[in-house]
Amino acid sequence: MTDQNIGSSGQQRDTRPFLYQQPEPLTLEVHGRLGINPSDRPFEFVRNVTAIPIAAVELASVQRHYPVVFSDLQKPTLLAIVGVLDNVNLFVDEQGRWDRAAYLPAYLRCYPFVLAPRPDDQFAVVIDRAAGTISENAEQPLFEGKHLADPIKKHVDFCAQFSSYRQATSEFCDRLLELGLLSGQQAEFTPDDGGDDQPIGSYVAVDLSKLGDLNAETLRQLHMDGTLSGIYAHGFSMDNWTRLLERRKWWQSGTDPR
């Protein structure tokens, strides 16, 4: 759901980070007159988003509120599911605010900034110029003199911290794929009228039954490096499919679950 490469057809595919419509390397020359205005609808831009990228370090927090799945079986990444059956984010209210009782994924807290890798093994700060909060003569300038303003620098530092978790997240996902623990699965629900179970959607998840096929040394290693706790946090998160369906009922009825 983030960067993509050229497809087999040879056509250039979208390489923009997920959610970023007009990403530009942040520079004083280009963006020196810009700033950020606070938004009274801060999460309106993800109202129709149903999955949010997360880092492995967030699993303990995310699993309490959202089902956590993997993007695919080729190059899996972690995703928090925030909507079901409709293209509606069930954690954004009518005022464009995120449910304050639910964990807010770090990927969204980074927006409208993101760090992008450069050829010299360094990172460039990127800003989404299309973000509705970015404008000239804004309340919070991006720069003070030739340097980032302190609040902006703190925001960028948070993005750098989140970016530093990217490698560990990739290693976590790749390890599960290597061990053959990931498989395609399907979420289902039972209608209120007691009819046959109906599918919610297909996703990739850990098949917990396959843990029993691993030898004791592999399980010990997974325990020591924290992978096993991540696996179980992911497994616990599956209970949230039912909670998502309840939220969907509230959304359909116009009732605020909070």
C-alpha atoms as a PDB file:
ATOM      1  CA  MET A   1       0.000   0.000   0.000  1.00  0.00           C
ATOM      2  CA  THR A   2       3.001   2.283  -0.007  1.00  0.00           C
ATOM      3  CA  ASP A   3       5.617   2.558  -2.738  1.00  0.00           C
ATOM      4  CA  GLN A   4       5.198   0.504  -5.894  1.00  0.00           C
ATOM      5  CA  ASN A   5       7.460  -0.357  -8.803  1.00  0.00           C
ATOM      6  CA  ILE A   6       7.110  -0.741 -12.556  1.00  0.00           C
ATOM      7  CA  GLY A   7       4.679  -3.505 -13.419  1.00  0.00           C
ATOM      8  CA  SER A   8       5.298  -6.414 -15.758  1.00  0.00           C
ATOM      9  CA  SER A   9       3.625  -4.502 -18.579  1.00  0.00           C
ATOM     10  CA  GLY A  10       6.430  -1.932 -18.436  1.00  0.00           C
ATOM     11  CA  GLN A  11       4.070   0.890 -17.512  1.00  0.00           C
ATOM     12  CA  GLN A  12       5.068   3.153 -14.636  1.00  0.00           C
ATOM     13  CA  ARG A  13       3.046   2.388 -11.546  1.00  0.00           C
ATOM     14  CA  ASP A  14       2.200   4.818  -8.787  1.00  0.00           C
ATOM     15  CA  THR A  15       5.232   5.263  -6.505  1.00  0.00           C
ATOM     16  CA  ARG A  16       3.674   7.774  -4.134  1.00  0.00           C
ATOM     17  CA  PRO A  17       3.478   6.848  -0.458  1.00  0.00           C
ATOM     18  CA  PHE A  18      -0.003   5.710   0.506  1.00  0.00           C
ATOM     19  CA  LEU A  19      -2.351   8.699   1.117  1.00  0.00           C
ATOM     20  CA  TYR A  20       0.142  11.255  -0.241  1.00  0.00           C
ATOM     21  CA  GLN A  21      -1.331  12.895  -3.343  1.00  0.00           C
ATOM     22  CA  GLN A  22       1.418  15.399  -4.195  1.00  0.00           C
ATOM     23  CA  PRO A  23       4.605  14.424  -2.350  1.00  0.00           C
ATOM     24  CA  GLU A  24       7.484  16.888  -2.686  1.00  0.00           C
ATOM     25  CA  PRO A  25      10.939  16.936  -1.040  1.00  0.00           C
ATOM     26  CA  LEU A  26      10.745  19.634   1.614  1.00  0.00           C
ATOM     27  CA  THR A  27      13.109  22.538   0.851  1.00  0.00           C
ATOM     28  CA  LEU A  28      13.439  26.115   2.018  1.00  0.00           C
ATOM     29  CA  GLU A  29      13.606  27.348  -1.588  1.00  0.00           C
ATOM     30  CA  VAL A  30      10.300  25.780  -2.626  1.00  0.00           C
ATOM     31  CA  HIS A  31       8.351  25.724   0.623  1.00  0.00           C
ATOM     32  CA  GLY A  32       9.817  28.589   2.628  1.00  0.00           C
ATOM     33  CA  ARG A  33       6.588  30.613   2.553  1.00  0.00           C
ATOM     34  CA  LEU A  34       4.342  27.704   3.496  1.00  0.00           C
ATOM     35  CA  GLY A  35       2.997  26.562   6.827  1.00  0.00           C
ATOM     36  CA  ILE A  36       0.363  24.430   8.510  1.00  0.00           C
ATOM     37  CA  ASN A  37      -3.058  25.528   9.698  1.00  0.00           C
ATOM     38  CA  PRO A  38      -4.834  23.453  12.351  1.00  0.00           C
ATOM     39  CA  SER A  39      -7.778  21.573  10.901  1.00  0.00           C
ATOM     40  CA  ASP A  40     -11.220  21.336  12.476  1.00  0.00           C
ATOM     41  CA  ARG A  41     -11.660  18.087  10.497  1.00  0.00           C
ATOM     42  CA  PRO A  42      -8.194  16.533  10.911  1.00  0.00           C
ATOM     43  CA  PHE A  43      -8.991  13.046   9.595  1.00  0.00           C
ATOM     44  CA  GLU A  44     -11.428  13.847   6.831  1.00  0.00           C
ATOM     45  CA  PHE A  45      -8.715  12.794   4.361  1.00  0.00           C
ATOM     46  CA  VAL A  46      -9.011   9.141   5.484  1.00  0.00           C
ATOM     47  CA  ARG A  47     -12.809   8.984   5.708  1.00  0.00           C
ATOM     48  CA  ASN A  48     -12.975   6.423   2.883  1.00  0.00           C
ATOM     49  CA  VAL A  49      -9.831   4.495   3.817  1.00  0.00           C
ATOM     50  CA  THR A  50     -10.347   1.033   5.310  1.00  0.00           C
ATOM     51  CA  ALA A  51      -6.764  -0.101   6.020  1.00  0.00           C
ATOM     52  CA  ILE A  52      -3.840   1.796   7.575  1.00  0.00           C
ATOM     53  CA  PRO A  53      -0.169   0.699   7.469  1.00  0.00           C
ATOM     54  CA  ILE A  54       1.315   0.042  10.897  1.00  0.00           C
ATOM     55  CA  ALA A  55       4.726  -0.877  12.318  1.00  0.00           C
ATOM     56  CA  ALA A  56       5.390  -4.105  14.187  1.00  0.00           C
ATOM     57  CA  VAL A  57       6.222  -2.091  17.308  1.00  0.00           C
ATOM     58  CA  GLU A  58       2.601  -0.874  17.363  1.00  0.00           C
ATOM     59  CA  LEU A  59       1.050  -4.341  17.462  1.00  0.00           C
ATOM     60  CA  ALA A  60       0.433  -4.395  21.212  1.00  0.00           C
ATOM     61  CA  SER A  61      -1.578  -1.166  20.982  1.00  0.00           C
ATOM     62  CA  VAL A  62      -3.260  -1.746  17.628  1.00  0.00           C
ATOM     63  CA  GLN A  63      -4.529  -5.238  18.465  1.00  0.00           C
ATOM     64  CA  ARG A  64      -6.831  -3.808  21.144  1.00  0.00           C
ATOM     65  CA  HIS A  65      -8.913  -1.908  18.584  1.00  0.00           C
ATOM     66  CA  TYR A  66      -8.472  -3.217  15.028  1.00  0.00           C
ATOM     67  CA  PRO A  67      -8.004  -6.484  13.179  1.00  0.00           C
ATOM     68  CA  VAL A  68      -4.364  -6.640  12.048  1.00  0.00           C
ATOM     69  CA  VAL A  69      -3.717  -8.394   8.735  1.00  0.00           C
ATOM     70  CA  PHE A  70      -0.925  -8.715   6.178  1.00  0.00           C
ATOM     71  CA  SER A  71      -1.144  -7.040   2.793  1.00  0.00           C
ATOM     72  CA  ASP A  72      -0.291 -10.068   0.623  1.00  0.00           C
ATOM     73  CA  LEU A  73       1.795 -13.224   0.334  1.00  0.00           C
ATOM     74  CA  GLN A  74       4.512 -11.757  -1.894  1.00  0.00           C
ATOM     75  CA  LYS A  75       5.906  -8.819   0.093  1.00  0.00           C
ATOM     76  CA  PRO A  76       3.675  -8.614   3.153  1.00  0.00           C
ATOM     77  CA  THR A  77       3.236  -5.480   5.235  1.00  0.00           C
ATOM     78  CA  LEU A  78       1.120  -4.943   8.343  1.00  0.00           C
ATOM     79  CA  LEU A  79      -2.268  -3.259   8.075  1.00  0.00           C
ATOM     80  CA  ALA A  80      -4.844  -2.176  10.651  1.00  0.00           C
ATOM     81  CA  ILE A  81      -8.380  -2.670   9.311  1.00  0.00           C
ATOM     82  CA  VAL A  82     -10.633   0.306  10.102  1.00  0.00           C
ATOM     83  CA  GLY A  83     -13.636  -0.437   7.878  1.00  0.00           C
ATOM     84  CA  VAL A  84     -15.599  -3.456   6.716  1.00  0.00           C
ATOM     85  CA  LEU A  85     -17.984  -4.167   3.804  1.00  0.00           C
ATOM     86  CA  ASP A  86     -18.157  -0.480   2.822  1.00  0.00           C
ATOM     87  CA  ASN A  87     -15.490   2.033   1.802  1.00  0.00           C
ATOM     88  CA  VAL A  88     -15.972   3.842   5.103  1.00  0.00           C
ATOM     89  CA  ASN A  89     -13.521   4.397   7.935  1.00  0.00           C
ATOM     90  CA  LEU A  90     -15.578   3.488  10.978  1.00  0.00           C
ATOM     91  CA  PHE A  91     -13.264   5.385  13.341  1.00  0.00           C
ATOM     92  CA  VAL A  92     -13.769   8.833  11.768  1.00  0.00           C
ATOM     93  CA  ASP A  93     -16.883  10.639  12.977  1.00  0.00           C
ATOM     94  CA  GLU A  94     -19.097  13.151  11.171  1.00  0.00           C
ATOM     95  CA  GLN A  95     -16.818  15.984  12.318  1.00  0.00           C
ATOM     96  CA  GLY A  96     -13.775  14.358  10.728  1.00  0.00           C
ATOM     97  CA  ARG A  97     -12.261  13.398  14.074  1.00  0.00           C
ATOM     98  CA  TRP A  98     -10.713  10.071  15.056  1.00  0.00           C
ATOM     99  CA  ASP A  99     -12.347   8.103  17.859  1.00  0.00           C
ATOM    100  CA  ARG A 100     -10.473   9.331  20.933  1.00  0.00           C
ATOM    101  CA  ALA A 101     -10.983   5.977  22.670  1.00  0.00           C
ATOM    102  CA  ALA A 102      -9.135   4.113  19.887  1.00  0.00           C
ATOM    103  CA  TYR A 103      -5.410   3.991  19.203  1.00  0.00           C
ATOM    104  CA  LEU A 104      -4.341   6.344  16.406  1.00  0.00           C
ATOM    105  CA  PRO A 105      -1.816   4.632  14.074  1.00  0.00           C
ATOM    106  CA  ALA A 106       1.532   6.406  13.835  1.00  0.00           C
ATOM    107  CA  TYR A 107       1.347   6.504  10.035  1.00  0.00           C
ATOM    108  CA  LEU A 108      -1.528   8.969  10.318  1.00  0.00           C
ATOM    109  CA  ARG A 109       0.218  10.986  13.005  1.00  0.00           C
ATOM    110  CA  CYS A 110       3.107  11.530  10.579  1.00  0.00           C
ATOM    111  CA  TYR A 111       0.917  13.123   7.879  1.00  0.00           C
ATOM    112  CA  PRO A 112       1.501  15.417   5.959  1.00  0.00           C
ATOM    113  CA  PHE A 113       5.202  14.541   6.369  1.00  0.00           C
ATOM    114  CA  VAL A 114       6.993  11.330   5.505  1.00  0.00           C
ATOM    115  CA  LEU A 115      10.613  10.267   5.134  1.00  0.00           C
ATOM    116  CA  ALA A 116      11.714   8.864   1.784  1.00  0.00           C
ATOM    117  CA  PRO A 117      14.970   6.931   1.195  1.00  0.00           C
ATOM    118  CA  ARG A 118      17.665   8.539  -0.948  1.00  0.00           C
ATOM    119  CA  PRO A 119      20.363   6.796  -3.039  1.00  0.00           C
ATOM    120  CA  ASP A 120      23.049   7.798  -0.489  1.00  0.00           C
ATOM    121  CA  ASP A 121      21.375   5.693   2.253  1.00  0.00           C
ATOM    122  CA  GLN A 122      20.014   8.853   3.840  1.00  0.00           C
ATOM    123  CA  PHE A 123      16.420  10.048   4.017  1.00  0.00           C
ATOM    124  CA  ALA A 124      14.679  13.083   2.557  1.00  0.00           C
ATOM    125  CA  VAL A 125      11.810  14.819   4.328  1.00  0.00           C
ATOM    126  CA  VAL A 126       8.774  14.812   2.038  1.00  0.00           C
ATOM    127  CA  ILE A 127       5.596  16.839   2.398  1.00  0.00           C
ATOM    128  CA  ASP A 128       2.213  16.288   0.779  1.00  0.00           C
ATOM    129  CA  ARG A 129       1.703  19.630  -0.936  1.00  0.00           C
ATOM    130  CA  ALA A 130      -1.929  18.660  -1.594  1.00  0.00           C
ATOM    131  CA  ALA A 131      -2.737  18.443   2.124  1.00  0.00           C
ATOM    132  CA  GLY A 132      -5.590  20.767   3.007  1.00  0.00           C
ATOM    133  CA  THR A 133      -3.714  22.118   6.020  1.00  0.00           C
ATOM    134  CA  ILE A 134      -0.763  23.424   3.942  1.00  0.00           C
ATOM    135  CA  SER A 135      -0.903  27.015   2.725  1.00  0.00           C
ATOM    136  CA  GLU A 136       0.941  30.315   2.572  1.00  0.00           C
ATOM    137  CA  ASN A 137       0.691  32.690   5.548  1.00  0.00           C
ATOM    138  CA  ALA A 138      -0.352  29.773   7.744  1.00  0.00           C
ATOM    139  CA  GLU A 139      -0.623  29.816  11.514  1.00  0.00           C
ATOM    140  CA  GLN A 140       2.473  27.603  11.926  1.00  0.00           C
ATOM    141  CA  PRO A 141       5.267  28.366   9.402  1.00  0.00           C
ATOM    142  CA  LEU A 142       7.325  25.416   8.230  1.00  0.00           C
ATOM    143  CA  PHE A 143      10.543  27.384   8.567  1.00  0.00           C
ATOM    144  CA  GLU A 144      11.951  29.946  10.945  1.00  0.00           C
ATOM    145  CA  GLY A 145      14.802  31.631   9.135  1.00  0.00           C
ATOM    146  CA  LYS A 146      16.774  28.929   7.331  1.00  0.00           C
ATOM    147  CA  HIS A 147      15.748  26.099   9.632  1.00  0.00           C
ATOM    148  CA  LEU A 148      12.607  24.107  10.361  1.00  0.00           C
ATOM    149  CA  ALA A 149      10.413  25.697  13.015  1.00  0.00           C
ATOM    150  CA  ASP A 150      10.630  23.827  16.325  1.00  0.00           C
ATOM    151  CA  PRO A 151       7.070  22.339  16.189  1.00  0.00           C
ATOM    152  CA  ILE A 152       7.696  21.171  12.614  1.00  0.00           C
ATOM    153  CA  LYS A 153      11.060  19.679  13.569  1.00  0.00           C
ATOM    154  CA  LYS A 154       9.398  17.715  16.382  1.00  0.00           C
ATOM    155  CA  HIS A 155       6.847  16.426  13.879  1.00  0.00           C
ATOM    156  CA  VAL A 156       9.595  15.421  11.449  1.00  0.00           C
ATOM    157  CA  ASP A 157      11.566  13.773  14.264  1.00  0.00           C
ATOM    158  CA  PHE A 158       8.498  11.655  15.046  1.00  0.00           C
ATOM    159  CA  CYS A 159       8.333  10.657  11.377  1.00  0.00           C
ATOM    160  CA  ALA A 160      12.019   9.701  11.521  1.00  0.00           C
ATOM    161  CA  GLN A 161      11.361   7.528  14.546  1.00  0.00           C
ATOM    162  CA  PHE A 162       8.468   5.810  12.786  1.00  0.00           C
ATOM    163  CA  SER A 163      10.586   5.343   9.664  1.00  0.00           C
ATOM    164  CA  SER A 164      13.288   3.675  11.754  1.00  0.00           C
ATOM    165  CA  TYR A 165      10.796   0.899  12.567  1.00  0.00           C
ATOM    166  CA  ARG A 166      10.311   0.094   8.864  1.00  0.00           C
ATOM    167  CA  GLN A 167      13.199  -2.386   8.670  1.00  0.00           C
ATOM    168  CA  ALA A 168      12.116  -4.252  11.801  1.00  0.00           C
ATOM    169  CA  THR A 169       8.574  -4.482  10.436  1.00  0.00           C
ATOM    170  CA  SER A 170       9.831  -5.868   7.119  1.00  0.00           C
ATOM    171  CA  GLU A 171      11.971  -8.416   8.962  1.00  0.00           C
ATOM    172  CA  PHE A 172       8.997  -9.469  11.091  1.00  0.00           C
ATOM    173  CA  CYS A 173       6.786 -10.002   8.031  1.00  0.00           C
ATOM    174  CA  ASP A 174       9.525 -11.699   5.989  1.00  0.00           C
ATOM    175  CA  ARG A 175      10.304 -14.058   8.866  1.00  0.00           C
ATOM    176  CA  LEU A 176       6.694 -15.230   9.049  1.00  0.00           C
ATOM    177  CA  LEU A 177       6.613 -15.688   5.284  1.00  0.00           C
ATOM    178  CA  GLU A 178       9.890 -17.652   5.373  1.00  0.00           C
ATOM    179  CA  LEU A 179       8.523 -19.976   8.059  1.00  0.00           C
ATOM    180  CA  GLY A 180       5.368 -20.616   6.032  1.00  0.00           C
ATOM    181  CA  LEU A 181       3.100 -19.231   8.752  1.00  0.00           C
ATOM    182  CA  LEU A 182       1.097 -16.855   6.530  1.00  0.00           C
ATOM    183  CA  SER A 183      -1.953 -17.990   4.599  1.00  0.00           C
ATOM    184  CA  GLY A 184      -4.993 -16.561   2.858  1.00  0.00           C
ATOM    185  CA  GLN A 185      -8.032 -16.524   5.125  1.00  0.00           C
ATOM    186  CA  GLN A 186     -11.585 -15.231   5.095  1.00  0.00           C
ATOM    187  CA  ALA A 187     -13.581 -13.379   7.726  1.00  0.00           C
ATOM    188  CA  GLU A 188     -17.257 -14.257   8.065  1.00  0.00           C
ATOM    189  CA  PHE A 189     -20.209 -13.148  10.144  1.00  0.00           C
ATOM    190  CA  THR A 190     -23.533 -14.663  11.122  1.00  0.00           C
ATOM    191  CA  PRO A 191     -26.561 -12.526  10.093  1.00  0.00           C
ATOM    192  CA  ASP A 192     -28.916 -11.382  12.840  1.00  0.00           C
ATOM    193  CA  ASP A 193     -31.671 -13.474  11.266  1.00  0.00           C
ATOM    194  CA  GLY A 194     -29.652 -16.613  11.955  1.00  0.00           C
ATOM    195  CA  GLY A 195     -28.994 -17.430   8.312  1.00  0.00           C
ATOM    196  CA  ASP A 196     -25.844 -18.910   6.852  1.00  0.00           C
ATOM    197  CA  ASP A 197     -22.531 -17.241   7.583  1.00  0.00           C
ATOM    198  CA  GLN A 198     -21.683 -14.465   5.128  1.00  0.00           C
ATOM    199  CA  PRO A 199     -18.166 -13.441   4.021  1.00  0.00           C
ATOM    200  CA  ILE A 200     -16.736 -10.113   5.170  1.00  0.00           C
ATOM    201  CA  GLY A 201     -13.623 -10.275   3.050  1.00  0.00           C
ATOM    202  CA  SER A 202     -10.410 -12.122   2.309  1.00  0.00           C
ATOM    203  CA  TYR A 203      -7.111 -11.310   3.969  1.00  0.00           C
ATOM    204  CA  VAL A 204      -3.699 -12.751   4.823  1.00  0.00           C
ATOM    205  CA  ALA A 205      -2.989 -13.788   8.414  1.00  0.00           C
ATOM    206  CA  VAL A 206      -0.880 -16.121  10.528  1.00  0.00           C
ATOM    207  CA  ASP A 207      -2.207 -19.658  10.672  1.00  0.00           C
ATOM    208  CA  LEU A 208      -1.667 -20.226  14.389  1.00  0.00           C
ATOM    209  CA  SER A 209      -2.064 -23.983  13.983  1.00  0.00           C
ATOM    210  CA  LYS A 210       1.197 -24.019  12.018  1.00  0.00           C
ATOM    211  CA  LEU A 211       3.140 -22.885  15.079  1.00  0.00           C
ATOM    212  CA  GLY A 212       2.881 -26.458  16.284  1.00  0.00           C
ATOM    213  CA  ASP A 213       4.874 -27.596  13.261  1.00  0.00           C
ATOM    214  CA  LEU A 214       7.914 -25.510  14.265  1.00  0.00           C
ATOM    215  CA  ASN A 215      10.747 -27.112  16.194  1.00  0.00           C
ATOM    216  CA  ALA A 216      11.586 -26.082  19.738  1.00  0.00           C
ATOM    217  CA  GLU A 217      14.707 -24.114  18.769  1.00  0.00           C
ATOM    218  CA  THR A 218      12.807 -22.025  16.219  1.00  0.00           C
ATOM    219  CA  LEU A 219      10.075 -21.299  18.752  1.00  0.00           C
ATOM    220  CA  ARG A 220      12.723 -20.308  21.303  1.00  0.00           C
ATOM    221  CA  GLN A 221      14.283 -17.903  18.823  1.00  0.00           C
ATOM    222  CA  LEU A 222      10.874 -16.397  17.979  1.00  0.00           C
ATOM    223  CA  HIS A 223      10.255 -15.911  21.676  1.00  0.00           C
ATOM    224  CA  MET A 224      13.648 -14.334  22.348  1.00  0.00           C
ATOM    225  CA  ASP A 225      13.493 -11.816  19.492  1.00  0.00           C
ATOM    226  CA  GLY A 226       9.898 -10.770  20.220  1.00  0.00           C
ATOM    227  CA  THR A 227       8.407 -12.267  17.068  1.00  0.00           C
ATOM    228  CA  LEU A 228       6.233 -14.681  19.016  1.00  0.00           C
ATOM    229  CA  SER A 229       4.612 -11.914  21.049  1.00  0.00           C
ATOM    230  CA  GLY A 230       3.879 -10.078  17.794  1.00  0.00           C
ATOM    231  CA  ILE A 231       2.286 -13.209  16.370  1.00  0.00           C
ATOM    232  CA  TYR A 232      -0.010 -13.559  19.358  1.00  0.00           C
ATOM    233  CA  ALA A 233      -0.927  -9.862  19.335  1.00  0.00           C
ATOM    234  CA  HIS A 234      -1.915 -10.308  15.685  1.00  0.00           C
ATOM    235  CA  GLY A 235      -3.930 -13.405  16.611  1.00  0.00           C
ATOM    236  CA  PHE A 236      -5.734 -11.614  19.446  1.00  0.00           C
ATOM    237  CA  SER A 237      -6.676  -8.815  17.048  1.00  0.00           C
ATOM    238  CA  MET A 238      -8.909 -11.166  15.053  1.00  0.00           C
ATOM    239  CA  ASP A 239     -11.599 -10.735  17.735  1.00  0.00           C
ATOM    240  CA  ASN A 240     -12.017  -7.175  16.436  1.00  0.00           C
ATOM    241  CA  TRP A 241     -13.781  -8.321  13.253  1.00  0.00           C
ATOM    242  CA  THR A 242     -16.917  -8.713  15.377  1.00  0.00           C
ATOM    243  CA  ARG A 243     -16.426  -5.262  16.899  1.00  0.00           C
ATOM    244  CA  LEU A 244     -16.029  -3.759  13.421  1.00  0.00           C
ATOM    245  CA  LEU A 245     -19.344  -5.259  12.395  1.00  0.00           C
ATOM    246  CA  GLU A 246     -20.963  -3.706  15.476  1.00  0.00           C
ATOM    247  CA  ARG A 247     -19.485  -0.338  14.531  1.00  0.00           C
ATOM    248  CA  ARG A 248     -20.860  -0.762  11.038  1.00  0.00           C
ATOM    249  CA  LYS A 249     -24.364  -1.258  12.503  1.00  0.00           C
ATOM    250  CA  TRP A 250     -23.947   1.976  14.484  1.00  0.00           C
ATOM    251  CA  TRP A 251     -22.736   3.764  11.352  1.00  0.00           C
ATOM    252  CA  GLN A 252     -25.726   2.506   9.313  1.00  0.00           C
ATOM    253  CA  SER A 253     -28.150   3.586  12.023  1.00  0.00           C
ATOM    254  CA  GLY A 254     -26.459   6.955  12.523  1.00  0.00           C
ATOM    255  CA  THR A 255     -25.701   6.130  16.144  1.00  0.00           C
ATOM    256  CA  ASP A 256     -22.412   7.248  17.716  1.00  0.00           C
ATOM    257  CA  PRO A 257     -20.808   4.220  19.465  1.00  0.00           C
ATOM    258  CA  ARG A 258     -18.969   6.546  21.812  1.00  0.00           C
END
